[in-house]
Amino acid sequence: MRRSINQKAISLHRNVPYNWYYRSINIDKNLFQKYVHGRRFSEVGKIIEPTGGKILDVGCADGMFSNVILEKSQAGSLTGIDVLGKSVTWASGHWKDQKLKFMVADAHKLPFKAKSF
């Protein structure tokens, strides 16, 4: 059962551009998308408190939220995981902060030791 759910989720996400959030805010000329996504990042940024330490971003996509979370939280590091390799590859190449790391992983089978984050 779980495998079919994972495959369905991956299939749905493959129809979305690998850098969807970044594109929506910085490239596309759709003003509605630019406003909606820009507002989401702004509002999320307002509620993140400084935490330090390590953060795991599950479903990081193109890393836009990861970047906001890292900046606002002042974390020592942030690891973003996503099931879509193209998004992870794009995020890894785009975001140059040494505190950000992106990898392909399944949230149902995290490749980390307990209490890593």
PDB file of N, CA and C in Angstrom:
ATOM      1  N   MET A   1       0.816  -1.197   0.000  1.00  0.00           N
ATOM      2  CA  MET A   1       0.000   0.000   0.000  1.00  0.00           C
ATOM      3  C   MET A   1       0.861   1.263   0.000  1.00  0.00           C
ATOM      4  N   ARG A   2       1.854   1.324   0.896  1.00  0.00           N
ATOM      5  CA  ARG A   2       2.686   2.517   0.993  1.00  0.00           C
ATOM      6  C   ARG A   2       3.423   2.795  -0.315  1.00  0.00           C
ATOM      7  N   ARG A   3       3.893   1.759  -0.971  1.00  0.00           N
ATOM      8  CA  ARG A   3       4.617   1.945  -2.227  1.00  0.00           C
ATOM      9  C   ARG A   3       3.730   2.611  -3.261  1.00  0.00           C
ATOM     10  N   SER A   4       2.479   2.212  -3.371  1.00  0.00           N
ATOM     11  CA  SER A   4       1.591   2.808  -4.366  1.00  0.00           C
ATOM     12  C   SER A   4       1.309   4.274  -4.038  1.00  0.00           C
ATOM     13  N   ILE A   5       1.230   4.604  -2.749  1.00  0.00           N
ATOM     14  CA  ILE A   5       1.033   6.003  -2.360  1.00  0.00           C
ATOM     15  C   ILE A   5       2.255   6.817  -2.755  1.00  0.00           C
ATOM     16  N   ASN A   6       3.459   6.308  -2.466  1.00  0.00           N
ATOM     17  CA  ASN A   6       4.683   7.013  -2.827  1.00  0.00           C
ATOM     18  C   ASN A   6       4.782   7.208  -4.332  1.00  0.00           C
ATOM     19  N   GLN A   7       4.472   6.179  -5.093  1.00  0.00           N
ATOM     20  CA  GLN A   7       4.551   6.278  -6.552  1.00  0.00           C
ATOM     21  C   GLN A   7       3.550   7.296  -7.086  1.00  0.00           C
ATOM     22  N   LYS A   8       2.364   7.346  -6.503  1.00  0.00           N
ATOM     23  CA  LYS A   8       1.359   8.321  -6.933  1.00  0.00           C
ATOM     24  C   LYS A   8       1.842   9.742  -6.643  1.00  0.00           C
ATOM     25  N   ALA A   9       2.397   9.954  -5.464  1.00  0.00           N
ATOM     26  CA  ALA A   9       2.908  11.275  -5.104  1.00  0.00           C
ATOM     27  C   ALA A   9       4.035  11.697  -6.041  1.00  0.00           C
ATOM     28  N   ILE A  10       4.944  10.789  -6.313  1.00  0.00           N
ATOM     29  CA  ILE A  10       6.048  11.097  -7.222  1.00  0.00           C
ATOM     30  C   ILE A  10       5.512  11.423  -8.607  1.00  0.00           C
ATOM     31  N   SER A  11       4.555  10.657  -9.075  1.00  0.00           N
ATOM     32  CA  SER A  11       3.962  10.895 -10.387  1.00  0.00           C
ATOM     33  C   SER A  11       3.332  12.282 -10.464  1.00  0.00           C
ATOM     34  N   LEU A  12       2.604  12.673  -9.440  1.00  0.00           N
ATOM     35  CA  LEU A  12       1.984  14.004  -9.418  1.00  0.00           C
ATOM     36  C   LEU A  12       3.037  15.103  -9.436  1.00  0.00           C
ATOM     37  N   HIS A  13       4.091  14.933  -8.669  1.00  0.00           N
ATOM     38  CA  HIS A  13       5.124  15.954  -8.590  1.00  0.00           C
ATOM     39  C   HIS A  13       5.967  16.053  -9.853  1.00  0.00           C
ATOM     40  N   ARG A  14       6.053  14.996 -10.607  1.00  0.00           N
ATOM     41  CA  ARG A  14       6.849  15.042 -11.840  1.00  0.00           C
ATOM     42  C   ARG A  14       6.240  15.979 -12.875  1.00  0.00           C
ATOM     43  N   ASN A  15       4.974  16.306 -12.720  1.00  0.00           N
ATOM     44  CA  ASN A  15       4.319  17.226 -13.647  1.00  0.00           C
ATOM     45  C   ASN A  15       4.573  18.688 -13.301  1.00  0.00           C
ATOM     46  N   VAL A  16       5.223  18.936 -12.191  1.00  0.00           N
ATOM     47  CA  VAL A  16       5.529  20.296 -11.753  1.00  0.00           C
ATOM     48  C   VAL A  16       6.980  20.589 -12.124  1.00  0.00           C
ATOM     49  N   PRO A  17       7.276  21.786 -12.683  1.00  0.00           N
ATOM     50  CA  PRO A  17       8.669  22.110 -13.010  1.00  0.00           C
ATOM     51  C   PRO A  17       9.575  21.956 -11.785  1.00  0.00           C
ATOM     52  N   TYR A  18      10.783  21.474 -12.000  1.00  0.00           N
ATOM     53  CA  TYR A  18      11.717  21.178 -10.915  1.00  0.00           C
ATOM     54  C   TYR A  18      12.094  22.403 -10.099  1.00  0.00           C
ATOM     55  N   ASN A  19      11.994  23.596 -10.667  1.00  0.00           N
ATOM     56  CA  ASN A  19      12.309  24.821  -9.930  1.00  0.00           C
ATOM     57  C   ASN A  19      11.070  25.717  -9.828  1.00  0.00           C
ATOM     58  N   TRP A  20       9.944  25.126  -9.544  1.00  0.00           N
ATOM     59  CA  TRP A  20       8.641  25.786  -9.567  1.00  0.00           C
ATOM     60  C   TRP A  20       8.572  27.050  -8.712  1.00  0.00           C
ATOM     61  N   TYR A  21       8.947  26.987  -7.456  1.00  0.00           N
ATOM     62  CA  TYR A  21       8.820  28.161  -6.586  1.00  0.00           C
ATOM     63  C   TYR A  21       9.759  29.270  -7.032  1.00  0.00           C
ATOM     64  N   TYR A  22      10.987  28.915  -7.346  1.00  0.00           N
ATOM     65  CA  TYR A  22      11.942  29.926  -7.801  1.00  0.00           C
ATOM     66  C   TYR A  22      11.436  30.605  -9.065  1.00  0.00           C
ATOM     67  N   ARG A  23      10.975  29.801 -10.004  1.00  0.00           N
ATOM     68  CA  ARG A  23      10.438  30.328 -11.262  1.00  0.00           C
ATOM     69  C   ARG A  23       9.244  31.237 -11.029  1.00  0.00           C
ATOM     70  N   SER A  24       8.347  30.810 -10.159  1.00  0.00           N
ATOM     71  CA  SER A  24       7.123  31.566  -9.898  1.00  0.00           C
ATOM     72  C   SER A  24       7.414  32.967  -9.383  1.00  0.00           C
ATOM     73  N   ILE A  25       8.463  33.105  -8.607  1.00  0.00           N
ATOM     74  CA  ILE A  25       8.773  34.397  -8.004  1.00  0.00           C
ATOM     75  C   ILE A  25       9.744  35.215  -8.848  1.00  0.00           C
ATOM     76  N   ASN A  26      10.699  34.579  -9.478  1.00  0.00           N
ATOM     77  CA  ASN A  26      11.785  35.305 -10.130  1.00  0.00           C
ATOM     78  C   ASN A  26      11.766  35.346 -11.650  1.00  0.00           C
ATOM     79  N   ILE A  27      11.056  34.439 -12.298  1.00  0.00           N
ATOM     80  CA  ILE A  27      11.168  34.348 -13.751  1.00  0.00           C
ATOM     81  C   ILE A  27       9.838  34.551 -14.460  1.00  0.00           C
ATOM     82  N   ASP A  28       8.834  33.770 -14.072  1.00  0.00           N
ATOM     83  CA  ASP A  28       7.548  33.806 -14.773  1.00  0.00           C
ATOM     84  C   ASP A  28       6.909  35.185 -14.698  1.00  0.00           C
ATOM     85  N   LYS A  29       6.111  35.477 -15.700  1.00  0.00           N
ATOM     86  CA  LYS A  29       5.453  36.781 -15.770  1.00  0.00           C
ATOM     87  C   LYS A  29       4.019  36.728 -15.262  1.00  0.00           C
ATOM     88  N   ASN A  30       3.667  35.648 -14.582  1.00  0.00           N
ATOM     89  CA  ASN A  30       2.336  35.507 -14.013  1.00  0.00           C
ATOM     90  C   ASN A  30       2.318  36.257 -12.682  1.00  0.00           C
ATOM     91  N   LEU A  31       1.730  37.444 -12.676  1.00  0.00           N
ATOM     92  CA  LEU A  31       1.749  38.288 -11.486  1.00  0.00           C
ATOM     93  C   LEU A  31       1.022  37.657 -10.304  1.00  0.00           C
ATOM     94  N   PHE A  32      -0.031  36.899 -10.585  1.00  0.00           N
ATOM     95  CA  PHE A  32      -0.759  36.242  -9.502  1.00  0.00           C
ATOM     96  C   PHE A  32       0.136  35.236  -8.787  1.00  0.00           C
ATOM     97  N   GLN A  33       0.811  34.368  -9.561  1.00  0.00           N
ATOM     98  CA  GLN A  33       1.716  33.378  -8.966  1.00  0.00           C
ATOM     99  C   GLN A  33       2.841  34.069  -8.196  1.00  0.00           C
ATOM    100  N   LYS A  34       3.383  35.117  -8.788  1.00  0.00           N
ATOM    101  CA  LYS A  34       4.466  35.848  -8.136  1.00  0.00           C
ATOM    102  C   LYS A  34       4.000  36.407  -6.793  1.00  0.00           C
ATOM    103  N   TYR A  35       2.802  36.973  -6.780  1.00  0.00           N
ATOM    104  CA  TYR A  35       2.262  37.537  -5.542  1.00  0.00           C
ATOM    105  C   TYR A  35       1.996  36.444  -4.506  1.00  0.00           C
ATOM    106  N   VAL A  36       1.280  35.399  -4.912  1.00  0.00           N
ATOM    107  CA  VAL A  36       0.889  34.337  -3.974  1.00  0.00           C
ATOM    108  C   VAL A  36       2.116  33.671  -3.355  1.00  0.00           C
ATOM    109  N   HIS A  37       3.056  33.252  -4.186  1.00  0.00           N
ATOM    110  CA  HIS A  37       4.233  32.566  -3.649  1.00  0.00           C
ATOM    111  C   HIS A  37       5.128  33.526  -2.869  1.00  0.00           C
ATOM    112  N   GLY A  38       5.287  34.734  -3.362  1.00  0.00           N
ATOM    113  CA  GLY A  38       6.075  35.730  -2.637  1.00  0.00           C
ATOM    114  C   GLY A  38       5.491  35.998  -1.257  1.00  0.00           C
ATOM    115  N   ARG A  39       4.178  36.084  -1.203  1.00  0.00           N
ATOM    116  CA  ARG A  39       3.493  36.319   0.077  1.00  0.00           C
ATOM    117  C   ARG A  39       3.683  35.130   1.021  1.00  0.00           C
ATOM    118  N   ARG A  40       3.593  33.921   0.490  1.00  0.00           N
ATOM    119  CA  ARG A  40       3.787  32.719   1.321  1.00  0.00           C
ATOM    120  C   ARG A  40       5.169  32.720   1.969  1.00  0.00           C
ATOM    121  N   PHE A  41       6.188  33.013   1.174  1.00  0.00           N
ATOM    122  CA  PHE A  41       7.544  33.026   1.711  1.00  0.00           C
ATOM    123  C   PHE A  41       7.704  34.125   2.753  1.00  0.00           C
ATOM    124  N   SER A  42       7.112  35.266   2.487  1.00  0.00           N
ATOM    125  CA  SER A  42       7.178  36.382   3.423  1.00  0.00           C
ATOM    126  C   SER A  42       6.501  36.038   4.750  1.00  0.00           C
ATOM    127  N   GLU A  43       5.303  35.474   4.681  1.00  0.00           N
ATOM    128  CA  GLU A  43       4.555  35.137   5.899  1.00  0.00           C
ATOM    129  C   GLU A  43       5.238  34.026   6.689  1.00  0.00           C
ATOM    130  N   VAL A  44       5.735  33.017   6.004  1.00  0.00           N
ATOM    131  CA  VAL A  44       6.450  31.943   6.700  1.00  0.00           C
ATOM    132  C   VAL A  44       7.690  32.510   7.383  1.00  0.00           C
ATOM    133  N   GLY A  45       8.376  33.399   6.692  1.00  0.00           N
ATOM    134  CA  GLY A  45       9.571  34.021   7.260  1.00  0.00           C
ATOM    135  C   GLY A  45       9.294  34.766   8.553  1.00  0.00           C
ATOM    136  N   LYS A  46       8.099  35.309   8.687  1.00  0.00           N
ATOM    137  CA  LYS A  46       7.734  36.072   9.888  1.00  0.00           C
ATOM    138  C   LYS A  46       7.556  35.193  11.121  1.00  0.00           C
ATOM    139  N   ILE A  47       7.203  33.938  10.938  1.00  0.00           N
ATOM    140  CA  ILE A  47       6.927  33.091  12.103  1.00  0.00           C
ATOM    141  C   ILE A  47       8.097  32.189  12.504  1.00  0.00           C
ATOM    142  N   ILE A  48       9.145  32.194  11.717  1.00  0.00           N
ATOM    143  CA  ILE A  48      10.313  31.368  12.050  1.00  0.00           C
ATOM    144  C   ILE A  48      11.161  32.108  13.076  1.00  0.00           C
ATOM    145  N   GLU A  49      11.469  31.427  14.149  1.00  0.00           N
ATOM    146  CA  GLU A  49      12.284  32.017  15.205  1.00  0.00           C
ATOM    147  C   GLU A  49      13.705  31.467  15.141  1.00  0.00           C
ATOM    148  N   PRO A  50      14.678  32.279  15.571  1.00  0.00           N
ATOM    149  CA  PRO A  50      16.052  31.781  15.605  1.00  0.00           C
ATOM    150  C   PRO A  50      16.143  30.524  16.463  1.00  0.00           C
ATOM    151  N   THR A  51      16.836  29.530  15.942  1.00  0.00           N
ATOM    152  CA  THR A  51      16.920  28.260  16.651  1.00  0.00           C
ATOM    153  C   THR A  51      18.337  27.725  16.778  1.00  0.00           C
ATOM    154  N   GLY A  52      19.188  28.069  15.822  1.00  0.00           N
ATOM    155  CA  GLY A  52      20.511  27.457  15.815  1.00  0.00           C
ATOM    156  C   GLY A  52      20.368  25.976  15.495  1.00  0.00           C
ATOM    157  N   GLY A  53      21.413  25.210  15.684  1.00  0.00           N
ATOM    158  CA  GLY A  53      21.332  23.769  15.481  1.00  0.00           C
ATOM    159  C   GLY A  53      21.174  23.354  14.038  1.00  0.00           C
ATOM    160  N   LYS A  54      20.588  22.162  13.846  1.00  0.00           N
ATOM    161  CA  LYS A  54      20.401  21.574  12.519  1.00  0.00           C
ATOM    162  C   LYS A  54      18.918  21.463  12.214  1.00  0.00           C
ATOM    163  N   ILE A  55      18.564  21.675  10.948  1.00  0.00           N
ATOM    164  CA  ILE A  55      17.168  21.587  10.515  1.00  0.00           C
ATOM    165  C   ILE A  55      17.067  20.623   9.341  1.00  0.00           C
ATOM    166  N   LEU A  56      16.002  19.830   9.337  1.00  0.00           N
ATOM    167  CA  LEU A  56      15.680  18.952   8.214  1.00  0.00           C
ATOM    168  C   LEU A  56      14.436  19.496   7.537  1.00  0.00           C
ATOM    169  N   ASP A  57      14.527  19.789   6.244  1.00  0.00           N
ATOM    170  CA  ASP A  57      13.391  20.260   5.447  1.00  0.00           C
ATOM    171  C   ASP A  57      12.932  19.100   4.570  1.00  0.00           C
ATOM    172  N   VAL A  58      11.817  18.500   4.936  1.00  0.00           N
ATOM    173  CA  VAL A  58      11.272  17.359   4.202  1.00  0.00           C
ATOM    174  C   VAL A  58      10.372  17.876   3.087  1.00  0.00           C
ATOM    175  N   GLY A  59      10.670  17.473   1.848  1.00  0.00           N
ATOM    176  CA  GLY A  59       9.912  17.957   0.691  1.00  0.00           C
ATOM    177  C   GLY A  59      10.402  19.329   0.273  1.00  0.00           C
ATOM    178  N   CYS A  60      11.703  19.490   0.203  1.00  0.00           N
ATOM    179  CA  CYS A  60      12.318  20.800  -0.034  1.00  0.00           C
ATOM    180  C   CYS A  60      12.120  21.345  -1.441  1.00  0.00           C
ATOM    181  N   ALA A  61      11.746  20.498  -2.385  1.00  0.00           N
ATOM    182  CA  ALA A  61      11.553  20.930  -3.780  1.00  0.00           C
ATOM    183  C   ALA A  61      12.800  21.658  -4.274  1.00  0.00           C
ATOM    184  N   ASP A  62      12.641  22.904  -4.754  1.00  0.00           N
ATOM    185  CA  ASP A  62      13.778  23.625  -5.332  1.00  0.00           C
ATOM    186  C   ASP A  62      14.596  24.413  -4.314  1.00  0.00           C
ATOM    187  N   GLY A  63      14.266  24.279  -3.044  1.00  0.00           N
ATOM    188  CA  GLY A  63      15.059  24.911  -1.995  1.00  0.00           C
ATOM    189  C   GLY A  63      14.674  26.331  -1.628  1.00  0.00           C
ATOM    190  N   MET A  64      13.631  26.881  -2.236  1.00  0.00           N
ATOM    191  CA  MET A  64      13.220  28.252  -1.906  1.00  0.00           C
ATOM    192  C   MET A  64      12.869  28.380  -0.427  1.00  0.00           C
ATOM    193  N   PHE A  65      12.007  27.502   0.062  1.00  0.00           N
ATOM    194  CA  PHE A  65      11.650  27.548   1.483  1.00  0.00           C
ATOM    195  C   PHE A  65      12.866  27.223   2.348  1.00  0.00           C
ATOM    196  N   SER A  66      13.688  26.309   1.914  1.00  0.00           N
ATOM    197  CA  SER A  66      14.890  25.953   2.673  1.00  0.00           C
ATOM    198  C   SER A  66      15.751  27.182   2.905  1.00  0.00           C
ATOM    199  N   ASN A  67      15.918  27.973   1.875  1.00  0.00           N
ATOM    200  CA  ASN A  67      16.722  29.181   1.964  1.00  0.00           C
ATOM    201  C   ASN A  67      16.120  30.167   2.965  1.00  0.00           C
ATOM    202  N   VAL A  68      14.809  30.359   2.911  1.00  0.00           N
ATOM    203  CA  VAL A  68      14.121  31.256   3.850  1.00  0.00           C
ATOM    204  C   VAL A  68      14.255  30.725   5.279  1.00  0.00           C
ATOM    205  N   ILE A  69      14.025  29.432   5.445  1.00  0.00           N
ATOM    206  CA  ILE A  69      14.104  28.820   6.777  1.00  0.00           C
ATOM    207  C   ILE A  69      15.508  28.990   7.357  1.00  0.00           C
ATOM    208  N   LEU A  70      16.533  28.717   6.554  1.00  0.00           N
ATOM    209  CA  LEU A  70      17.911  28.848   7.030  1.00  0.00           C
ATOM    210  C   LEU A  70      18.206  30.288   7.442  1.00  0.00           C
ATOM    211  N   GLU A  71      17.821  31.227   6.601  1.00  0.00           N
ATOM    212  CA  GLU A  71      18.087  32.639   6.876  1.00  0.00           C
ATOM    213  C   GLU A  71      17.398  33.098   8.160  1.00  0.00           C
ATOM    214  N   LYS A  72      16.132  32.792   8.301  1.00  0.00           N
ATOM    215  CA  LYS A  72      15.353  33.277   9.445  1.00  0.00           C
ATOM    216  C   LYS A  72      15.665  32.524  10.737  1.00  0.00           C
ATOM    217  N   SER A  73      15.993  31.255  10.636  1.00  0.00           N
ATOM    218  CA  SER A  73      16.236  30.440  11.834  1.00  0.00           C
ATOM    219  C   SER A  73      17.644  30.608  12.388  1.00  0.00           C
ATOM    220  N   GLN A  74      18.542  31.085  11.545  1.00  0.00           N
ATOM    221  CA  GLN A  74      19.956  31.206  11.911  1.00  0.00           C
ATOM    222  C   GLN A  74      20.537  29.849  12.324  1.00  0.00           C
ATOM    223  N   ALA A  75      20.034  28.802  11.695  1.00  0.00           N
ATOM    224  CA  ALA A  75      20.499  27.446  11.994  1.00  0.00           C
ATOM    225  C   ALA A  75      21.949  27.269  11.561  1.00  0.00           C
ATOM    226  N   GLY A  76      22.601  26.332  12.190  1.00  0.00           N
ATOM    227  CA  GLY A  76      23.968  26.006  11.810  1.00  0.00           C
ATOM    228  C   GLY A  76      24.032  25.301  10.474  1.00  0.00           C
ATOM    229  N   SER A  77      22.973  24.522  10.169  1.00  0.00           N
ATOM    230  CA  SER A  77      22.889  23.846   8.879  1.00  0.00           C
ATOM    231  C   SER A  77      21.448  23.437   8.604  1.00  0.00           C
ATOM    232  N   LEU A  78      21.144  23.264   7.335  1.00  0.00           N
ATOM    233  CA  LEU A  78      19.830  22.788   6.915  1.00  0.00           C
ATOM    234  C   LEU A  78      20.034  21.753   5.826  1.00  0.00           C
ATOM    235  N   THR A  79      19.423  20.600   6.004  1.00  0.00           N
ATOM    236  CA  THR A  79      19.440  19.548   4.996  1.00  0.00           C
ATOM    237  C   THR A  79      18.044  19.444   4.418  1.00  0.00           C
ATOM    238  N   GLY A  80      17.943  19.607   3.113  1.00  0.00           N
ATOM    239  CA  GLY A  80      16.664  19.470   2.433  1.00  0.00           C
ATOM    240  C   GLY A  80      16.608  18.149   1.697  1.00  0.00           C
ATOM    241  N   ILE A  81      15.495  17.433   1.851  1.00  0.00           N
ATOM    242  CA  ILE A  81      15.321  16.181   1.115  1.00  0.00           C
ATOM    243  C   ILE A  81      14.074  16.264   0.254  1.00  0.00           C
ATOM    244  N   ASP A  82      14.124  15.582  -0.874  1.00  0.00           N
ATOM    245  CA  ASP A  82      12.977  15.505  -1.772  1.00  0.00           C
ATOM    246  C   ASP A  82      13.108  14.216  -2.580  1.00  0.00           C
ATOM    247  N   VAL A  83      11.983  13.718  -3.063  1.00  0.00           N
ATOM    248  CA  VAL A  83      12.011  12.486  -3.861  1.00  0.00           C
ATOM    249  C   VAL A  83      12.360  12.756  -5.319  1.00  0.00           C
ATOM    250  N   LEU A  84      12.307  14.008  -5.732  1.00  0.00           N
ATOM    251  CA  LEU A  84      12.567  14.336  -7.137  1.00  0.00           C
ATOM    252  C   LEU A  84      14.010  14.771  -7.353  1.00  0.00           C
ATOM    253  N   GLY A  85      14.752  13.935  -8.050  1.00  0.00           N
ATOM    254  CA  GLY A  85      16.156  14.198  -8.303  1.00  0.00           C
ATOM    255  C   GLY A  85      16.425  15.498  -9.034  1.00  0.00           C
ATOM    256  N   LYS A  86      15.581  15.865  -9.997  1.00  0.00           N
ATOM    257  CA  LYS A  86      15.805  17.105 -10.752  1.00  0.00           C
ATOM    258  C   LYS A  86      15.718  18.330  -9.848  1.00  0.00           C
ATOM    259  N   SER A  87      14.771  18.321  -8.922  1.00  0.00           N
ATOM    260  CA  SER A  87      14.647  19.444  -7.986  1.00  0.00           C
ATOM    261  C   SER A  87      15.866  19.523  -7.076  1.00  0.00           C
ATOM    262  N   VAL A  88      16.309  18.385  -6.586  1.00  0.00           N
ATOM    263  CA  VAL A  88      17.471  18.342  -5.701  1.00  0.00           C
ATOM    264  C   VAL A  88      18.727  18.794  -6.448  1.00  0.00           C
ATOM    265  N   THR A  89      18.894  18.339  -7.671  1.00  0.00           N
ATOM    266  CA  THR A  89      20.048  18.751  -8.478  1.00  0.00           C
ATOM    267  C   THR A  89      20.029  20.253  -8.712  1.00  0.00           C
ATOM    268  N   TRP A  90      18.857  20.790  -9.057  1.00  0.00           N
ATOM    269  CA  TRP A  90      18.742  22.230  -9.294  1.00  0.00           C
ATOM    270  C   TRP A  90      19.059  22.997  -8.020  1.00  0.00           C
ATOM    271  N   ALA A  91      18.467  22.595  -6.894  1.00  0.00           N
ATOM    272  CA  ALA A  91      18.691  23.287  -5.617  1.00  0.00           C
ATOM    273  C   ALA A  91      20.173  23.255  -5.238  1.00  0.00           C
ATOM    274  N   SER A  92      20.799  22.104  -5.407  1.00  0.00           N
ATOM    275  CA  SER A  92      22.220  21.965  -5.063  1.00  0.00           C
ATOM    276  C   SER A  92      23.093  22.888  -5.896  1.00  0.00           C
ATOM    277  N   GLY A  93      22.738  23.072  -7.155  1.00  0.00           N
ATOM    278  CA  GLY A  93      23.515  23.936  -8.031  1.00  0.00           C
ATOM    279  C   GLY A  93      23.206  25.410  -7.868  1.00  0.00           C
ATOM    280  N   HIS A  94      22.009  25.715  -7.402  1.00  0.00           N
ATOM    281  CA  HIS A  94      21.591  27.119  -7.323  1.00  0.00           C
ATOM    282  C   HIS A  94      21.956  27.785  -5.998  1.00  0.00           C
ATOM    283  N   TRP A  95      21.653  27.135  -4.892  1.00  0.00           N
ATOM    284  CA  TRP A  95      21.877  27.728  -3.575  1.00  0.00           C
ATOM    285  C   TRP A  95      23.303  27.429  -3.137  1.00  0.00           C
ATOM    286  N   LYS A  96      24.094  28.461  -2.965  1.00  0.00           N
ATOM    287  CA  LYS A  96      25.533  28.295  -2.725  1.00  0.00           C
ATOM    288  C   LYS A  96      25.939  28.390  -1.256  1.00  0.00           C
ATOM    289  N   ASP A  97      25.000  28.637  -0.354  1.00  0.00           N
ATOM    290  CA  ASP A  97      25.328  28.733   1.068  1.00  0.00           C
ATOM    291  C   ASP A  97      25.875  27.387   1.556  1.00  0.00           C
ATOM    292  N   GLN A  98      27.023  27.411   2.185  1.00  0.00           N
ATOM    293  CA  GLN A  98      27.666  26.184   2.676  1.00  0.00           C
ATOM    294  C   GLN A  98      26.834  25.468   3.738  1.00  0.00           C
ATOM    295  N   LYS A  99      25.896  26.188   4.352  1.00  0.00           N
ATOM    296  CA  LYS A  99      25.056  25.590   5.395  1.00  0.00           C
ATOM    297  C   LYS A  99      23.885  24.803   4.817  1.00  0.00           C
ATOM    298  N   LEU A 100      23.656  24.926   3.511  1.00  0.00           N
ATOM    299  CA  LEU A 100      22.563  24.214   2.846  1.00  0.00           C
ATOM    300  C   LEU A 100      23.080  22.965   2.149  1.00  0.00           C
ATOM    301  N   LYS A 101      22.380  21.858   2.351  1.00  0.00           N
ATOM    302  CA  LYS A 101      22.714  20.607   1.666  1.00  0.00           C
ATOM    303  C   LYS A 101      21.400  19.994   1.190  1.00  0.00           C
ATOM    304  N   PHE A 102      21.391  19.475  -0.031  1.00  0.00           N
ATOM    305  CA  PHE A 102      20.183  18.864  -0.589  1.00  0.00           C
ATOM    306  C   PHE A 102      20.488  17.438  -1.015  1.00  0.00           C
ATOM    307  N   MET A 103      19.516  16.559  -0.808  1.00  0.00           N
ATOM    308  CA  MET A 103      19.706  15.166  -1.211  1.00  0.00           C
ATOM    309  C   MET A 103      18.372  14.514  -1.541  1.00  0.00           C
ATOM    310  N   VAL A 104      18.448  13.510  -2.408  1.00  0.00           N
ATOM    311  CA  VAL A 104      17.259  12.728  -2.754  1.00  0.00           C
ATOM    312  C   VAL A 104      17.040  11.722  -1.633  1.00  0.00           C
ATOM    313  N   ALA A 105      15.843  11.746  -1.063  1.00  0.00           N
ATOM    314  CA  ALA A 105      15.496  10.794  -0.003  1.00  0.00           C
ATOM    315  C   ALA A 105      13.984  10.725   0.135  1.00  0.00           C
ATOM    316  N   ASP A 106      13.532   9.614   0.663  1.00  0.00           N
ATOM    317  CA  ASP A 106      12.114   9.364   0.911  1.00  0.00           C
ATOM    318  C   ASP A 106      11.823   9.669   2.377  1.00  0.00           C
ATOM    319  N   ALA A 107      10.850  10.518   2.634  1.00  0.00           N
ATOM    320  CA  ALA A 107      10.506  10.897   4.007  1.00  0.00           C
ATOM    321  C   ALA A 107      10.055   9.709   4.850  1.00  0.00           C
ATOM    322  N   HIS A 108       9.600   8.647   4.193  1.00  0.00           N
ATOM    323  CA  HIS A 108       9.165   7.454   4.913  1.00  0.00           C
ATOM    324  C   HIS A 108      10.336   6.565   5.323  1.00  0.00           C
ATOM    325  N   LYS A 109      11.506   6.824   4.737  1.00  0.00           N
ATOM    326  CA  LYS A 109      12.703   6.027   5.034  1.00  0.00           C
ATOM    327  C   LYS A 109      13.895   6.973   5.149  1.00  0.00           C
ATOM    328  N   LEU A 110      13.898   7.785   6.168  1.00  0.00           N
ATOM    329  CA  LEU A 110      14.952   8.784   6.321  1.00  0.00           C
ATOM    330  C   LEU A 110      16.322   8.129   6.501  1.00  0.00           C
ATOM    331  N   PRO A 111      17.323   8.626   5.766  1.00  0.00           N
ATOM    332  CA  PRO A 111      18.663   8.029   5.829  1.00  0.00           C
ATOM    333  C   PRO A 111      19.552   8.668   6.905  1.00  0.00           C
ATOM    334  N   PHE A 112      18.965   9.002   8.050  1.00  0.00           N
ATOM    335  CA  PHE A 112      19.712   9.664   9.116  1.00  0.00           C
ATOM    336  C   PHE A 112      19.554   8.883  10.419  1.00  0.00           C
ATOM    337  N   LYS A 113      20.524   9.027  11.282  1.00  0.00           N
ATOM    338  CA  LYS A 113      20.420   8.432  12.613  1.00  0.00           C
ATOM    339  C   LYS A 113      19.349   9.181  13.406  1.00  0.00           C
ATOM    340  N   ALA A 114      18.760   8.509  14.372  1.00  0.00           N
ATOM    341  CA  ALA A 114      17.764   9.138  15.242  1.00  0.00           C
ATOM    342  C   ALA A 114      18.369  10.365  15.929  1.00  0.00           C
ATOM    343  N   LYS A 115      17.567  11.386  16.080  1.00  0.00           N
ATOM    344  CA  LYS A 115      17.938  12.632  16.769  1.00  0.00           C
ATOM    345  C   LYS A 115      19.076  13.374  16.072  1.00  0.00           C
ATOM    346  N   SER A 116      19.181  13.228  14.750  1.00  0.00           N
ATOM    347  CA  SER A 116      20.197  13.956  13.987  1.00  0.00           C
ATOM    348  C   SER A 116      19.835  15.426  13.839  1.00  0.00           C
ATOM    349  N   PHE A 117      18.545  15.730  13.965  1.00  0.00           N
ATOM    350  CA  PHE A 117      18.076  17.101  13.765  1.00  0.00           C
ATOM    351  C   PHE A 117      17.275  17.561  14.963  1.00  0.00           C
TER     352      PHE A 117
END
